[in-house]
Amino acid sequence: MKSKFCATYVLAGCFLASMLSACGGGGSGSIPDSSPAVLAPGATYTMQQNNSVLVPAGTTVSANGTTVTVAGSNTTTNTTNGAVVVVPTTATGPANNTVTTE
């Protein structure tokens, strides 16, 4: 009698564990990641509307015939849709400056 009782609980426990594991484990929901992408040295990126990227100092942002060089730390550079962001291969500082479009 005892082994039948234990086997029932083991089977019920396994069933419950498999059902619970099927419910969780998220990570790829429908909510998009809102944190800005970090551009590595040597990267070139074309900005899209309502977009932000993190870049190190020395990065250039070109839009409408004008080029701006990002300087300093923890700054924000506003630009337009289609702007080209170029991170020099020699960039060594932290990518803590934001380039953003509206």
PDB file of N, CA and C in Angstrom:
ATOM      1  N   MET A   1       0.815  -1.180   0.000  1.00  0.00           N
ATOM      2  CA  MET A   1       0.000   0.000   0.000  1.00  0.00           C
ATOM      3  C   MET A   1       0.862   1.249   0.000  1.00  0.00           C
ATOM      4  N   LYS A   2       1.943   1.195   0.775  1.00  0.00           N
ATOM      5  CA  LYS A   2       2.788   2.369   0.895  1.00  0.00           C
ATOM      6  C   LYS A   2       3.426   2.741  -0.446  1.00  0.00           C
ATOM      7  N   SER A   3       3.911   1.781  -1.222  1.00  0.00           N
ATOM      8  CA  SER A   3       4.572   2.090  -2.482  1.00  0.00           C
ATOM      9  C   SER A   3       3.588   2.658  -3.500  1.00  0.00           C
ATOM     10  N   LYS A   4       2.336   2.208  -3.490  1.00  0.00           N
ATOM     11  CA  LYS A   4       1.330   2.741  -4.395  1.00  0.00           C
ATOM     12  C   LYS A   4       1.026   4.196  -4.038  1.00  0.00           C
ATOM     13  N   PHE A   5       0.962   4.485  -2.747  1.00  0.00           N
ATOM     14  CA  PHE A   5       0.701   5.836  -2.254  1.00  0.00           C
ATOM     15  C   PHE A   5       1.830   6.780  -2.677  1.00  0.00           C
ATOM     16  N   CYS A   6       3.085   6.360  -2.498  1.00  0.00           N
ATOM     17  CA  CYS A   6       4.244   7.180  -2.865  1.00  0.00           C
ATOM     18  C   CYS A   6       4.308   7.392  -4.371  1.00  0.00           C
ATOM     19  N   ALA A   7       4.033   6.354  -5.133  1.00  0.00           N
ATOM     20  CA  ALA A   7       4.078   6.468  -6.586  1.00  0.00           C
ATOM     21  C   ALA A   7       3.050   7.471  -7.086  1.00  0.00           C
ATOM     22  N   THR A   8       1.877   7.500  -6.464  1.00  0.00           N
ATOM     23  CA  THR A   8       0.841   8.459  -6.854  1.00  0.00           C
ATOM     24  C   THR A   8       1.314   9.884  -6.612  1.00  0.00           C
ATOM     25  N   TYR A   9       1.920  10.125  -5.453  1.00  0.00           N
ATOM     26  CA  TYR A   9       2.420  11.467  -5.151  1.00  0.00           C
ATOM     27  C   TYR A   9       3.577  11.870  -6.072  1.00  0.00           C
ATOM     28  N   VAL A  10       4.442  10.926  -6.398  1.00  0.00           N
ATOM     29  CA  VAL A  10       5.560  11.221  -7.294  1.00  0.00           C
ATOM     30  C   VAL A  10       5.031  11.596  -8.670  1.00  0.00           C
ATOM     31  N   LEU A  11       4.076  10.831  -9.186  1.00  0.00           N
ATOM     32  CA  LEU A  11       3.496  11.136 -10.490  1.00  0.00           C
ATOM     33  C   LEU A  11       2.771  12.478 -10.474  1.00  0.00           C
ATOM     34  N   ALA A  12       2.019  12.732  -9.413  1.00  0.00           N
ATOM     35  CA  ALA A  12       1.310  14.011  -9.310  1.00  0.00           C
ATOM     36  C   ALA A  12       2.304  15.164  -9.224  1.00  0.00           C
ATOM     37  N   GLY A  13       3.380  14.966  -8.480  1.00  0.00           N
ATOM     38  CA  GLY A  13       4.409  16.002  -8.361  1.00  0.00           C
ATOM     39  C   GLY A  13       5.091  16.274  -9.689  1.00  0.00           C
ATOM     40  N   CYS A  14       5.388  15.226 -10.441  1.00  0.00           N
ATOM     41  CA  CYS A  14       6.011  15.396 -11.758  1.00  0.00           C
ATOM     42  C   CYS A  14       5.074  16.127 -12.710  1.00  0.00           C
ATOM     43  N   PHE A  15       3.801  15.776 -12.683  1.00  0.00           N
ATOM     44  CA  PHE A  15       2.819  16.434 -13.537  1.00  0.00           C
ATOM     45  C   PHE A  15       2.724  17.913 -13.203  1.00  0.00           C
ATOM     46  N   LEU A  16       2.633  18.225 -11.914  1.00  0.00           N
ATOM     47  CA  LEU A  16       2.535  19.615 -11.483  1.00  0.00           C
ATOM     48  C   LEU A  16       3.787  20.393 -11.872  1.00  0.00           C
ATOM     49  N   ALA A  17       4.954  19.803 -11.689  1.00  0.00           N
ATOM     50  CA  ALA A  17       6.210  20.476 -12.041  1.00  0.00           C
ATOM     51  C   ALA A  17       6.279  20.756 -13.534  1.00  0.00           C
ATOM     52  N   SER A  18       5.838  19.794 -14.350  1.00  0.00           N
ATOM     53  CA  SER A  18       5.888  20.019 -15.798  1.00  0.00           C
ATOM     54  C   SER A  18       4.895  21.086 -16.229  1.00  0.00           C
ATOM     55  N   MET A  19       3.755  21.163 -15.585  1.00  0.00           N
ATOM     56  CA  MET A  19       2.766  22.192 -15.917  1.00  0.00           C
ATOM     57  C   MET A  19       3.276  23.579 -15.526  1.00  0.00           C
ATOM     58  N   LEU A  20       3.892  23.687 -14.364  1.00  0.00           N
ATOM     59  CA  LEU A  20       4.402  24.979 -13.919  1.00  0.00           C
ATOM     60  C   LEU A  20       5.569  25.451 -14.771  1.00  0.00           C
ATOM     61  N   SER A  21       6.417  24.537 -15.196  1.00  0.00           N
ATOM     62  CA  SER A  21       7.559  24.946 -16.010  1.00  0.00           C
ATOM     63  C   SER A  21       7.115  25.418 -17.384  1.00  0.00           C
ATOM     64  N   ALA A  22       5.977  24.959 -17.849  1.00  0.00           N
ATOM     65  CA  ALA A  22       5.466  25.399 -19.143  1.00  0.00           C
ATOM     66  C   ALA A  22       4.896  26.806 -19.071  1.00  0.00           C
ATOM     67  N   CYS A  23       4.580  27.281 -17.881  1.00  0.00           N
ATOM     68  CA  CYS A  23       3.964  28.598 -17.730  1.00  0.00           C
ATOM     69  C   CYS A  23       4.978  29.730 -17.689  1.00  0.00           C
ATOM     70  N   GLY A  24       6.133  29.501 -17.134  1.00  0.00           N
ATOM     71  CA  GLY A  24       7.056  30.604 -16.889  1.00  0.00           C
ATOM     72  C   GLY A  24       8.230  30.605 -17.820  1.00  0.00           C
ATOM     73  N   GLY A  25       9.314  31.189 -17.324  1.00  0.00           N
ATOM     74  CA  GLY A  25      10.546  31.212 -18.081  1.00  0.00           C
ATOM     75  C   GLY A  25      10.604  32.306 -19.109  1.00  0.00           C
ATOM     76  N   GLY A  26       9.812  33.360 -18.957  1.00  0.00           N
ATOM     77  CA  GLY A  26       9.697  34.452 -19.921  1.00  0.00           C
ATOM     78  C   GLY A  26      11.005  34.936 -20.497  1.00  0.00           C
ATOM     79  N   GLY A  27      10.984  36.102 -21.052  1.00  0.00           N
ATOM     80  CA  GLY A  27      12.178  36.665 -21.629  1.00  0.00           C
ATOM     81  C   GLY A  27      11.943  37.200 -23.015  1.00  0.00           C
ATOM     82  N   SER A  28      10.973  36.665 -23.721  1.00  0.00           N
ATOM     83  CA  SER A  28      10.728  37.154 -25.071  1.00  0.00           C
ATOM     84  C   SER A  28       9.263  37.526 -25.223  1.00  0.00           C
ATOM     85  N   GLY A  29       8.816  38.446 -24.395  1.00  0.00           N
ATOM     86  CA  GLY A  29       7.438  38.904 -24.471  1.00  0.00           C
ATOM     87  C   GLY A  29       7.234  39.866 -25.623  1.00  0.00           C
ATOM     88  N   SER A  30       6.064  40.456 -25.688  1.00  0.00           N
ATOM     89  CA  SER A  30       5.751  41.360 -26.785  1.00  0.00           C
ATOM     90  C   SER A  30       6.159  42.795 -26.507  1.00  0.00           C
ATOM     91  N   ILE A  31       6.664  43.070 -25.308  1.00  0.00           N
ATOM     92  CA  ILE A  31       7.094  44.423 -24.981  1.00  0.00           C
ATOM     93  C   ILE A  31       8.514  44.609 -25.501  1.00  0.00           C
ATOM     94  N   PRO A  32       8.749  45.606 -26.379  1.00  0.00           N
ATOM     95  CA  PRO A  32      10.087  45.791 -26.937  1.00  0.00           C
ATOM     96  C   PRO A  32      11.071  46.309 -25.893  1.00  0.00           C
ATOM     97  N   ASP A  33      12.337  46.008 -26.101  1.00  0.00           N
ATOM     98  CA  ASP A  33      13.397  46.500 -25.227  1.00  0.00           C
ATOM     99  C   ASP A  33      13.567  47.984 -25.491  1.00  0.00           C
ATOM    100  N   SER A  34      13.402  48.802 -24.454  1.00  0.00           N
ATOM    101  CA  SER A  34      13.443  50.243 -24.645  1.00  0.00           C
ATOM    102  C   SER A  34      14.809  50.842 -24.353  1.00  0.00           C
ATOM    103  N   SER A  35      15.777  50.052 -23.934  1.00  0.00           N
ATOM    104  CA  SER A  35      17.088  50.609 -23.644  1.00  0.00           C
ATOM    105  C   SER A  35      17.843  50.851 -24.949  1.00  0.00           C
ATOM    106  N   PRO A  36      18.603  51.959 -25.008  1.00  0.00           N
ATOM    107  CA  PRO A  36      19.335  52.271 -26.245  1.00  0.00           C
ATOM    108  C   PRO A  36      20.428  51.249 -26.535  1.00  0.00           C
ATOM    109  N   ALA A  37      20.688  51.040 -27.814  1.00  0.00           N
ATOM    110  CA  ALA A  37      21.779  50.162 -28.232  1.00  0.00           C
ATOM    111  C   ALA A  37      23.103  50.868 -27.977  1.00  0.00           C
ATOM    112  N   VAL A  38      24.127  50.110 -27.656  1.00  0.00           N
ATOM    113  CA  VAL A  38      25.470  50.651 -27.458  1.00  0.00           C
ATOM    114  C   VAL A  38      26.263  50.386 -28.734  1.00  0.00           C
ATOM    115  N   LEU A  39      26.790  51.455 -29.336  1.00  0.00           N
ATOM    116  CA  LEU A  39      27.580  51.302 -30.557  1.00  0.00           C
ATOM    117  C   LEU A  39      29.052  51.115 -30.192  1.00  0.00           C
ATOM    118  N   ALA A  40      29.654  50.093 -30.757  1.00  0.00           N
ATOM    119  CA  ALA A  40      31.059  49.759 -30.493  1.00  0.00           C
ATOM    120  C   ALA A  40      31.979  50.566 -31.402  1.00  0.00           C
ATOM    121  N   PRO A  41      33.252  50.693 -31.031  1.00  0.00           N
ATOM    122  CA  PRO A  41      34.207  51.370 -31.909  1.00  0.00           C
ATOM    123  C   PRO A  41      34.210  50.743 -33.302  1.00  0.00           C
ATOM    124  N   GLY A  42      34.207  51.599 -34.328  1.00  0.00           N
ATOM    125  CA  GLY A  42      34.177  51.147 -35.712  1.00  0.00           C
ATOM    126  C   GLY A  42      32.778  51.019 -36.286  1.00  0.00           C
ATOM    127  N   ALA A  43      31.751  51.211 -35.465  1.00  0.00           N
ATOM    128  CA  ALA A  43      30.365  51.043 -35.925  1.00  0.00           C
ATOM    129  C   ALA A  43      29.874  52.277 -36.680  1.00  0.00           C
ATOM    130  N   THR A  44      29.033  52.036 -37.674  1.00  0.00           N
ATOM    131  CA  THR A  44      28.310  53.090 -38.388  1.00  0.00           C
ATOM    132  C   THR A  44      26.842  52.738 -38.290  1.00  0.00           C
ATOM    133  N   TYR A  45      26.022  53.729 -37.960  1.00  0.00           N
ATOM    134  CA  TYR A  45      24.602  53.468 -37.721  1.00  0.00           C
ATOM    135  C   TYR A  45      23.772  54.599 -38.310  1.00  0.00           C
ATOM    136  N   THR A  46      22.686  54.266 -38.995  1.00  0.00           N
ATOM    137  CA  THR A  46      21.754  55.261 -39.520  1.00  0.00           C
ATOM    138  C   THR A  46      20.563  55.346 -38.577  1.00  0.00           C
ATOM    139  N   MET A  47      20.343  56.542 -38.055  1.00  0.00           N
ATOM    140  CA  MET A  47      19.279  56.758 -37.071  1.00  0.00           C
ATOM    141  C   MET A  47      17.898  56.662 -37.710  1.00  0.00           C
ATOM    142  N   GLN A  48      16.972  56.116 -36.958  1.00  0.00           N
ATOM    143  CA  GLN A  48      15.570  56.041 -37.352  1.00  0.00           C
ATOM    144  C   GLN A  48      14.765  56.924 -36.410  1.00  0.00           C
ATOM    145  N   GLN A  49      13.534  57.201 -36.783  1.00  0.00           N
ATOM    146  CA  GLN A  49      12.675  58.041 -35.950  1.00  0.00           C
ATOM    147  C   GLN A  49      12.444  57.395 -34.586  1.00  0.00           C
ATOM    148  N   ASN A  50      12.407  58.228 -33.527  1.00  0.00           N
ATOM    149  CA  ASN A  50      12.186  57.770 -32.145  1.00  0.00           C
ATOM    150  C   ASN A  50      13.192  56.701 -31.737  1.00  0.00           C
ATOM    151  N   ASN A  51      14.468  56.975 -31.989  1.00  0.00           N
ATOM    152  CA  ASN A  51      15.533  56.008 -31.757  1.00  0.00           C
ATOM    153  C   ASN A  51      16.640  56.657 -30.938  1.00  0.00           C
ATOM    154  N   SER A  52      17.328  55.883 -30.113  1.00  0.00           N
ATOM    155  CA  SER A  52      18.465  56.376 -29.337  1.00  0.00           C
ATOM    156  C   SER A  52      19.573  55.338 -29.339  1.00  0.00           C
ATOM    157  N   VAL A  53      20.819  55.816 -29.338  1.00  0.00           N
ATOM    158  CA  VAL A  53      21.982  54.944 -29.216  1.00  0.00           C
ATOM    159  C   VAL A  53      22.955  55.573 -28.229  1.00  0.00           C
ATOM    160  N   LEU A  54      23.777  54.740 -27.609  1.00  0.00           N
ATOM    161  CA  LEU A  54      24.819  55.209 -26.698  1.00  0.00           C
ATOM    162  C   LEU A  54      26.161  55.119 -27.408  1.00  0.00           C
ATOM    163  N   VAL A  55      26.948  56.202 -27.312  1.00  0.00           N
ATOM    164  CA  VAL A  55      28.220  56.270 -28.024  1.00  0.00           C
ATOM    165  C   VAL A  55      29.300  56.883 -27.134  1.00  0.00           C
ATOM    166  N   PRO A  56      30.571  56.600 -27.428  1.00  0.00           N
ATOM    167  CA  PRO A  56      31.662  57.246 -26.690  1.00  0.00           C
ATOM    168  C   PRO A  56      31.967  58.623 -27.282  1.00  0.00           C
ATOM    169  N   ALA A  57      32.713  59.427 -26.539  1.00  0.00           N
ATOM    170  CA  ALA A  57      33.171  60.720 -27.047  1.00  0.00           C
ATOM    171  C   ALA A  57      34.007  60.491 -28.303  1.00  0.00           C
ATOM    172  N   GLY A  58      33.961  61.457 -29.232  1.00  0.00           N
ATOM    173  CA  GLY A  58      34.693  61.346 -30.490  1.00  0.00           C
ATOM    174  C   GLY A  58      33.828  60.851 -31.628  1.00  0.00           C
ATOM    175  N   THR A  59      32.637  60.380 -31.320  1.00  0.00           N
ATOM    176  CA  THR A  59      31.690  59.912 -32.333  1.00  0.00           C
ATOM    177  C   THR A  59      31.202  61.100 -33.150  1.00  0.00           C
ATOM    178  N   THR A  60      31.014  60.898 -34.462  1.00  0.00           N
ATOM    179  CA  THR A  60      30.464  61.961 -35.299  1.00  0.00           C
ATOM    180  C   THR A  60      29.028  61.640 -35.679  1.00  0.00           C
ATOM    181  N   VAL A  61      28.219  62.708 -35.756  1.00  0.00           N
ATOM    182  CA  VAL A  61      26.815  62.596 -36.157  1.00  0.00           C
ATOM    183  C   VAL A  61      26.627  63.539 -37.336  1.00  0.00           C
ATOM    184  N   SER A  62      26.260  62.986 -38.503  1.00  0.00           N
ATOM    185  CA  SER A  62      26.093  63.788 -39.713  1.00  0.00           C
ATOM    186  C   SER A  62      24.649  63.761 -40.176  1.00  0.00           C
ATOM    187  N   ALA A  63      24.090  64.970 -40.378  1.00  0.00           N
ATOM    188  CA  ALA A  63      22.708  65.087 -40.860  1.00  0.00           C
ATOM    189  C   ALA A  63      22.553  66.408 -41.603  1.00  0.00           C
ATOM    190  N   ASN A  64      21.893  66.364 -42.742  1.00  0.00           N
ATOM    191  CA  ASN A  64      21.563  67.567 -43.515  1.00  0.00           C
ATOM    192  C   ASN A  64      22.792  68.432 -43.811  1.00  0.00           C
ATOM    193  N   GLY A  65      23.910  67.799 -44.141  1.00  0.00           N
ATOM    194  CA  GLY A  65      25.122  68.531 -44.499  1.00  0.00           C
ATOM    195  C   GLY A  65      25.927  69.056 -43.324  1.00  0.00           C
ATOM    196  N   THR A  66      25.533  68.757 -42.112  1.00  0.00           N
ATOM    197  CA  THR A  66      26.236  69.218 -40.913  1.00  0.00           C
ATOM    198  C   THR A  66      26.771  68.014 -40.144  1.00  0.00           C
ATOM    199  N   THR A  67      28.005  68.137 -39.660  1.00  0.00           N
ATOM    200  CA  THR A  67      28.600  67.079 -38.846  1.00  0.00           C
ATOM    201  C   THR A  67      28.951  67.635 -37.474  1.00  0.00           C
ATOM    202  N   VAL A  68      28.539  66.917 -36.445  1.00  0.00           N
ATOM    203  CA  VAL A  68      28.806  67.288 -35.058  1.00  0.00           C
ATOM    204  C   VAL A  68      29.631  66.172 -34.430  1.00  0.00           C
ATOM    205  N   THR A  69      30.644  66.549 -33.656  1.00  0.00           N
ATOM    206  CA  THR A  69      31.442  65.565 -32.923  1.00  0.00           C
ATOM    207  C   THR A  69      30.991  65.556 -31.467  1.00  0.00           C
ATOM    208  N   VAL A  70      30.659  64.381 -30.982  1.00  0.00           N
ATOM    209  CA  VAL A  70      30.220  64.229 -29.591  1.00  0.00           C
ATOM    210  C   VAL A  70      31.437  64.389 -28.684  1.00  0.00           C
ATOM    211  N   ALA A  71      31.313  65.276 -27.696  1.00  0.00           N
ATOM    212  CA  ALA A  71      32.415  65.516 -26.760  1.00  0.00           C
ATOM    213  C   ALA A  71      31.902  65.373 -25.335  1.00  0.00           C
ATOM    214  N   GLY A  72      32.801  65.054 -24.434  1.00  0.00           N
ATOM    215  CA  GLY A  72      32.432  64.983 -23.030  1.00  0.00           C
ATOM    216  C   GLY A  72      31.885  63.636 -22.625  1.00  0.00           C
ATOM    217  N   SER A  73      31.099  63.674 -21.545  1.00  0.00           N
ATOM    218  CA  SER A  73      30.565  62.459 -20.957  1.00  0.00           C
ATOM    219  C   SER A  73      29.139  62.712 -20.486  1.00  0.00           C
ATOM    220  N   ASN A  74      28.279  61.733 -20.667  1.00  0.00           N
ATOM    221  CA  ASN A  74      26.869  61.832 -20.260  1.00  0.00           C
ATOM    222  C   ASN A  74      26.146  62.997 -20.926  1.00  0.00           C
ATOM    223  N   THR A  75      26.386  63.190 -22.221  1.00  0.00           N
ATOM    224  CA  THR A  75      25.721  64.254 -22.973  1.00  0.00           C
ATOM    225  C   THR A  75      24.619  63.661 -23.838  1.00  0.00           C
ATOM    226  N   THR A  76      23.754  64.528 -24.348  1.00  0.00           N
ATOM    227  CA  THR A  76      22.708  64.106 -25.281  1.00  0.00           C
ATOM    228  C   THR A  76      22.797  64.961 -26.532  1.00  0.00           C
ATOM    229  N   THR A  77      22.856  64.313 -27.688  1.00  0.00           N
ATOM    230  CA  THR A  77      22.874  64.992 -28.974  1.00  0.00           C
ATOM    231  C   THR A  77      21.583  64.653 -29.688  1.00  0.00           C
ATOM    232  N   ASN A  78      20.769  65.673 -29.987  1.00  0.00           N
ATOM    233  CA  ASN A  78      19.523  65.469 -30.723  1.00  0.00           C
ATOM    234  C   ASN A  78      19.807  65.598 -32.211  1.00  0.00           C
ATOM    235  N   THR A  79      19.227  64.707 -32.995  1.00  0.00           N
ATOM    236  CA  THR A  79      19.439  64.729 -34.433  1.00  0.00           C
ATOM    237  C   THR A  79      18.151  64.345 -35.149  1.00  0.00           C
ATOM    238  N   THR A  80      18.232  64.163 -36.450  1.00  0.00           N
ATOM    239  CA  THR A  80      17.040  63.876 -37.252  1.00  0.00           C
ATOM    240  C   THR A  80      17.066  62.447 -37.785  1.00  0.00           C
ATOM    241  N   ASN A  81      15.916  62.017 -38.246  1.00  0.00           N
ATOM    242  CA  ASN A  81      15.765  60.725 -38.886  1.00  0.00           C
ATOM    243  C   ASN A  81      16.709  60.662 -40.087  1.00  0.00           C
ATOM    244  N   GLY A  82      17.479  59.596 -40.205  1.00  0.00           N
ATOM    245  CA  GLY A  82      18.407  59.423 -41.316  1.00  0.00           C
ATOM    246  C   GLY A  82      19.820  59.897 -41.031  1.00  0.00           C
ATOM    247  N   ALA A  83      20.058  60.487 -39.868  1.00  0.00           N
ATOM    248  CA  ALA A  83      21.411  60.919 -39.515  1.00  0.00           C
ATOM    249  C   ALA A  83      22.334  59.708 -39.443  1.00  0.00           C
ATOM    250  N   VAL A  84      23.588  59.924 -39.822  1.00  0.00           N
ATOM    251  CA  VAL A  84      24.567  58.837 -39.798  1.00  0.00           C
ATOM    252  C   VAL A  84      25.504  59.048 -38.615  1.00  0.00           C
ATOM    253  N   VAL A  85      25.594  58.032 -37.762  1.00  0.00           N
ATOM    254  CA  VAL A  85      26.434  58.067 -36.564  1.00  0.00           C
ATOM    255  C   VAL A  85      27.636  57.160 -36.823  1.00  0.00           C
ATOM    256  N   VAL A  86      28.845  57.726 -36.659  1.00  0.00           N
ATOM    257  CA  VAL A  86      30.067  56.955 -36.895  1.00  0.00           C
ATOM    258  C   VAL A  86      30.924  56.994 -35.632  1.00  0.00           C
ATOM    259  N   VAL A  87      31.198  55.812 -35.085  1.00  0.00           N
ATOM    260  CA  VAL A  87      32.070  55.695 -33.916  1.00  0.00           C
ATOM    261  C   VAL A  87      33.465  55.355 -34.432  1.00  0.00           C
ATOM    262  N   PRO A  88      34.461  56.196 -34.123  1.00  0.00           N
ATOM    263  CA  PRO A  88      35.809  55.910 -34.635  1.00  0.00           C
ATOM    264  C   PRO A  88      36.379  54.617 -34.046  1.00  0.00           C
ATOM    265  N   THR A  89      37.215  53.963 -34.830  1.00  0.00           N
ATOM    266  CA  THR A  89      37.825  52.715 -34.353  1.00  0.00           C
ATOM    267  C   THR A  89      38.758  52.961 -33.178  1.00  0.00           C
ATOM    268  N   THR A  90      39.185  54.212 -33.014  1.00  0.00           N
ATOM    269  CA  THR A  90      40.109  54.548 -31.929  1.00  0.00           C
ATOM    270  C   THR A  90      39.394  54.925 -30.633  1.00  0.00           C
ATOM    271  N   ALA A  91      38.068  54.897 -30.621  1.00  0.00           N
ATOM    272  CA  ALA A  91      37.312  55.274 -29.420  1.00  0.00           C
ATOM    273  C   ALA A  91      37.610  54.294 -28.292  1.00  0.00           C
ATOM    274  N   THR A  92      37.953  54.834 -27.125  1.00  0.00           N
ATOM    275  CA  THR A  92      38.298  53.969 -25.996  1.00  0.00           C
ATOM    276  C   THR A  92      37.484  54.273 -24.747  1.00  0.00           C
ATOM    277  N   GLY A  93      36.806  55.402 -24.696  1.00  0.00           N
ATOM    278  CA  GLY A  93      36.050  55.774 -23.507  1.00  0.00           C
ATOM    279  C   GLY A  93      34.725  55.039 -23.417  1.00  0.00           C
ATOM    280  N   PRO A  94      34.012  55.261 -22.322  1.00  0.00           N
ATOM    281  CA  PRO A  94      32.711  54.603 -22.150  1.00  0.00           C
ATOM    282  C   PRO A  94      31.665  55.154 -23.114  1.00  0.00           C
ATOM    283  N   ALA A  95      30.767  54.305 -23.539  1.00  0.00           N
ATOM    284  CA  ALA A  95      29.666  54.724 -24.419  1.00  0.00           C
ATOM    285  C   ALA A  95      28.530  55.233 -23.538  1.00  0.00           C
ATOM    286  N   ASN A  96      28.701  56.441 -22.997  1.00  0.00           N
ATOM    287  CA  ASN A  96      27.698  56.991 -22.086  1.00  0.00           C
ATOM    288  C   ASN A  96      27.091  58.303 -22.582  1.00  0.00           C
ATOM    289  N   ASN A  97      27.277  58.596 -23.870  1.00  0.00           N
ATOM    290  CA  ASN A  97      26.645  59.754 -24.494  1.00  0.00           C
ATOM    291  C   ASN A  97      25.491  59.260 -25.356  1.00  0.00           C
ATOM    292  N   THR A  98      24.379  59.962 -25.301  1.00  0.00           N
ATOM    293  CA  THR A  98      23.182  59.536 -26.031  1.00  0.00           C
ATOM    294  C   THR A  98      23.013  60.358 -27.299  1.00  0.00           C
ATOM    295  N   VAL A  99      22.773  59.673 -28.414  1.00  0.00           N
ATOM    296  CA  VAL A  99      22.363  60.315 -29.663  1.00  0.00           C
ATOM    297  C   VAL A  99      20.925  59.876 -29.866  1.00  0.00           C
ATOM    298  N   THR A 100      20.030  60.840 -30.094  1.00  0.00           N
ATOM    299  CA  THR A 100      18.606  60.506 -30.140  1.00  0.00           C
ATOM    300  C   THR A 100      17.867  61.261 -31.238  1.00  0.00           C
ATOM    301  N   THR A 101      16.780  60.683 -31.710  1.00  0.00           N
ATOM    302  CA  THR A 101      15.872  61.341 -32.654  1.00  0.00           C
ATOM    303  C   THR A 101      14.492  61.403 -32.023  1.00  0.00           C
ATOM    304  N   GLU A 102      13.679  62.291 -32.540  1.00  0.00           N
ATOM    305  CA  GLU A 102      12.303  62.418 -32.030  1.00  0.00           C
ATOM    306  C   GLU A 102      11.307  62.027 -33.086  1.00  0.00           C
TER     307      GLU A 102
END
